[in-house]
Amino acid sequence: MDEELRSLTHRVRRESGGSAAYEHLAATGDLDELAEVLTAPGQPLWARELAAFRLGVAGDRRAFESLVLFLNHRDPERCAGAAHALARLGDPRTARAAAALATNELRVAYALHPVRLLVDLRAPESVPALITTLQRRLRPHDPYRGVALACVEGLGILGDPRARPVLSEALAHPSLAEAAVHALARIPRQR
């Protein structure tokens, strides 16, 4: 069992009160049954999350919409689990959805996990979305330094020369400067 699944099952077990329904969902190998949980009325949040996560890591695309909703949830643990499952899902819509969430100024407080997912995916949408998100975070007194730092680090990992200008701008921000130096060092110089 991977660490993300272990963390999710431990948390969801607590939320469910260790119910028989939880035990059944955690143990079933029936993907159709898990998919039914995502659409059946009256299902608790923990059950939908567990079903979506299990389907996602199994590569079942029926989990996509639910996982995207969890990726944008106010609870960071739910976001982290959704990002983990989406990275393994293999759905071609994932990068576009993560980019939309990362660049949505109305939901920037929840952009950390979409940003990290974009780095993991290394999709064509990743660098433009991280550049856009970071540019917006370079405003004076921006409260989302964690998102900005994730963008800086991610752009360094991706190593795309298009990121050089925004990373150079990040050097002027004390909380981002060290990470920006490291990120810039990872980007090949253009000749």
Protein backbone atom coordinates (compact mmCIF):
# COMPACT_ATOMS: atom_id res chain seq x y z
CA MET A 1 0.00 0.00 0.00
CA ASP A 2 1.50 3.36 -0.97
CA GLU A 3 1.82 6.17 1.59
CA GLU A 4 -0.91 8.37 0.06
CA LEU A 5 -3.42 5.49 0.19
CA ARG A 6 -2.41 4.67 3.77
CA SER A 7 -2.92 8.30 4.82
CA LEU A 8 -6.27 8.52 3.04
CA THR A 9 -7.63 5.28 4.45
CA HIS A 10 -6.57 6.22 7.98
CA ARG A 11 -8.29 9.62 7.74
CA VAL A 12 -11.41 8.24 6.03
CA ARG A 13 -11.69 5.44 8.59
CA ARG A 14 -11.88 8.12 11.31
CA GLU A 15 -14.42 10.19 9.34
CA SER A 16 -16.64 7.16 8.79
CA GLY A 17 -16.39 6.04 12.39
CA GLY A 18 -14.91 2.76 11.15
CA SER A 19 -18.30 1.76 9.78
CA ALA A 20 -19.05 -1.45 7.93
CA ALA A 21 -19.67 0.67 4.82
CA TYR A 22 -16.12 2.01 5.07
CA GLU A 23 -14.65 -1.47 5.53
CA HIS A 24 -16.56 -2.70 2.50
CA LEU A 25 -15.49 0.20 0.25
CA ALA A 26 -11.88 -0.09 1.37
CA ALA A 27 -11.81 -3.81 0.58
CA THR A 28 -13.88 -4.16 -2.59
CA GLY A 29 -12.15 -4.85 -5.87
CA ASP A 30 -15.30 -4.14 -7.87
CA LEU A 31 -14.62 -0.97 -9.87
CA ASP A 32 -18.25 -0.74 -10.98
CA GLU A 33 -19.34 -0.68 -7.36
CA LEU A 34 -16.84 2.08 -6.60
CA ALA A 35 -18.06 4.07 -9.62
CA GLU A 36 -21.66 3.76 -8.39
CA VAL A 37 -20.66 5.48 -5.14
CA LEU A 38 -19.67 8.55 -7.17
CA THR A 39 -23.14 8.97 -8.66
CA ALA A 40 -25.48 7.52 -6.04
CA PRO A 41 -27.46 10.10 -4.07
CA GLY A 42 -26.81 10.55 -0.37
CA GLN A 43 -23.27 9.20 -0.27
CA PRO A 44 -21.07 10.78 2.41
CA LEU A 45 -18.05 12.81 1.35
CA TRP A 46 -15.61 10.25 2.75
CA ALA A 47 -17.19 7.48 0.64
CA ARG A 48 -17.02 9.53 -2.56
CA GLU A 49 -13.41 10.46 -1.84
CA LEU A 50 -12.35 6.88 -1.15
CA ALA A 51 -14.14 5.57 -4.25
CA ALA A 52 -12.68 8.30 -6.49
CA PHE A 53 -9.17 7.75 -5.16
CA ARG A 54 -9.32 3.98 -5.61
CA LEU A 55 -10.72 4.33 -9.14
CA GLY A 56 -8.12 6.96 -10.02
CA VAL A 57 -5.12 4.91 -8.97
CA ALA A 58 -6.64 1.96 -10.83
CA GLY A 59 -6.70 4.09 -14.01
CA ASP A 60 -10.50 4.16 -14.24
CA ARG A 61 -11.48 7.46 -15.89
CA ARG A 62 -14.93 7.46 -14.31
CA ALA A 63 -13.18 9.06 -11.33
CA PHE A 64 -11.96 12.11 -13.26
CA GLU A 65 -14.70 14.64 -12.44
CA SER A 66 -14.81 13.70 -8.75
CA LEU A 67 -11.04 13.86 -8.44
CA VAL A 68 -10.96 17.32 -10.02
CA LEU A 69 -13.54 18.49 -7.48
CA PHE A 70 -11.42 17.07 -4.65
CA LEU A 71 -8.30 18.69 -6.14
CA ASN A 72 -10.03 22.04 -5.58
CA HIS A 73 -11.34 21.24 -2.08
CA ARG A 74 -10.68 23.49 0.91
CA ASP A 75 -9.17 20.55 2.84
CA PRO A 76 -5.48 20.20 1.84
CA GLU A 77 -5.48 16.46 2.61
CA ARG A 78 -8.29 15.88 0.14
CA CYS A 79 -6.44 17.96 -2.46
CA ALA A 80 -3.25 15.95 -1.95
CA GLY A 81 -5.04 12.63 -2.34
CA ALA A 82 -6.82 13.82 -5.47
CA ALA A 83 -3.55 15.06 -6.99
CA HIS A 84 -1.93 11.70 -6.28
CA ALA A 85 -4.79 9.79 -7.92
CA LEU A 86 -5.02 12.18 -10.89
CA ALA A 87 -1.29 11.79 -11.57
CA ARG A 88 -1.85 8.03 -11.89
CA LEU A 89 -5.18 8.18 -13.71
CA GLY A 90 -3.73 8.85 -17.16
CA ASP A 91 -6.66 10.96 -18.31
CA PRO A 92 -5.66 13.45 -21.03
CA ARG A 93 -7.98 16.08 -19.51
CA THR A 94 -6.03 16.21 -16.25
CA ALA A 95 -3.41 18.81 -17.20
CA ARG A 96 -5.99 21.19 -18.64
CA ALA A 97 -8.11 20.90 -15.48
CA ALA A 98 -5.11 21.37 -13.19
CA ALA A 99 -4.01 24.42 -15.20
CA ALA A 100 -7.49 25.93 -14.93
CA LEU A 101 -7.50 25.42 -11.16
CA ALA A 102 -3.95 26.73 -10.70
CA THR A 103 -4.68 29.93 -12.61
CA ASN A 104 -8.14 30.62 -11.14
CA GLU A 105 -7.67 33.76 -9.03
CA LEU A 106 -10.94 33.14 -7.20
CA ARG A 107 -9.58 29.82 -5.90
CA VAL A 108 -5.89 30.68 -5.50
CA ALA A 109 -5.97 29.65 -1.83
CA TYR A 110 -6.41 26.08 -3.08
CA ALA A 111 -3.90 26.23 -5.97
CA LEU A 112 -0.96 24.52 -4.25
CA HIS A 113 -1.87 20.96 -5.21
CA PRO A 114 -2.90 21.79 -8.79
CA VAL A 115 0.50 23.51 -9.19
CA ARG A 116 2.34 20.48 -7.85
CA LEU A 117 0.27 18.19 -10.07
CA LEU A 118 1.22 20.22 -13.14
CA VAL A 119 4.88 19.74 -12.26
CA ASP A 120 4.36 15.98 -11.90
CA LEU A 121 2.51 15.77 -15.21
CA ARG A 122 5.09 17.74 -17.23
CA ALA A 123 2.33 18.47 -19.74
CA PRO A 124 2.36 21.23 -22.38
CA GLU A 125 0.01 23.23 -20.11
CA SER A 126 2.35 23.03 -17.11
CA VAL A 127 4.90 25.79 -17.78
CA PRO A 128 2.44 28.43 -19.07
CA ALA A 129 0.12 27.83 -16.10
CA LEU A 130 2.95 28.02 -13.56
CA ILE A 131 4.30 31.20 -15.16
CA THR A 132 0.86 32.83 -15.06
CA THR A 133 0.25 31.79 -11.46
CA LEU A 134 3.68 32.97 -10.32
CA GLN A 135 3.36 36.34 -12.11
CA ARG A 136 0.16 36.99 -10.17
CA ARG A 137 1.82 36.03 -6.88
CA LEU A 138 4.63 38.57 -7.33
CA ARG A 139 2.37 41.46 -6.35
CA PRO A 140 3.31 43.29 -3.14
CA HIS A 141 1.83 41.73 0.01
CA ASP A 142 0.40 38.71 -1.80
CA PRO A 143 -0.73 36.26 0.91
CA TYR A 144 -0.16 33.10 -1.15
CA ARG A 145 3.62 32.71 -0.83
CA GLY A 146 3.29 28.92 -0.55
CA VAL A 147 1.71 28.81 -4.01
CA ALA A 148 4.40 31.17 -5.35
CA LEU A 149 7.16 29.01 -3.88
CA ALA A 150 5.65 25.87 -5.42
CA CYS A 151 5.60 27.63 -8.80
CA VAL A 152 9.24 28.71 -8.48
CA GLU A 153 10.38 25.23 -7.49
CA GLY A 154 8.22 23.61 -10.15
CA LEU A 155 9.53 25.85 -12.90
CA GLY A 156 13.06 24.92 -11.85
CA ILE A 157 12.20 21.23 -12.03
CA LEU A 158 10.62 21.66 -15.46
CA GLY A 159 13.68 23.61 -16.66
CA ASP A 160 11.91 25.47 -19.45
CA PRO A 161 13.67 28.64 -20.69
CA ARG A 162 10.31 30.43 -20.97
CA ALA A 163 10.33 30.63 -17.15
CA ARG A 164 13.57 32.63 -16.96
CA PRO A 165 11.91 36.13 -16.96
CA VAL A 166 9.39 35.40 -14.20
CA LEU A 167 12.00 33.58 -12.10
CA SER A 168 14.29 36.60 -12.48
CA GLU A 169 11.44 38.76 -11.17
CA ALA A 170 11.02 36.38 -8.22
CA LEU A 171 14.60 37.14 -7.16
CA ALA A 172 13.37 40.50 -5.81
CA HIS A 173 11.09 38.77 -3.28
CA PRO A 174 13.01 37.68 -0.15
CA SER A 175 10.77 34.68 0.51
CA LEU A 176 11.32 33.39 -3.04
CA ALA A 177 14.86 34.53 -3.84
CA GLU A 178 16.79 31.45 -2.76
CA ALA A 179 14.41 29.08 -4.55
CA ALA A 180 14.51 31.31 -7.64
CA VAL A 181 18.33 31.17 -7.70
CA HIS A 182 18.18 27.37 -7.61
CA ALA A 183 15.42 27.25 -10.24
CA LEU A 184 17.32 29.54 -12.59
CA ALA A 185 20.43 27.39 -12.20
CA ARG A 186 18.47 24.40 -13.52
CA ILE A 187 17.32 26.15 -16.69
CA PRO A 188 19.71 25.81 -19.64
CA ARG A 189 21.05 29.08 -21.02
CA GLN A 190 19.87 29.94 -24.50
CA ARG A 191 22.60 30.51 -27.09
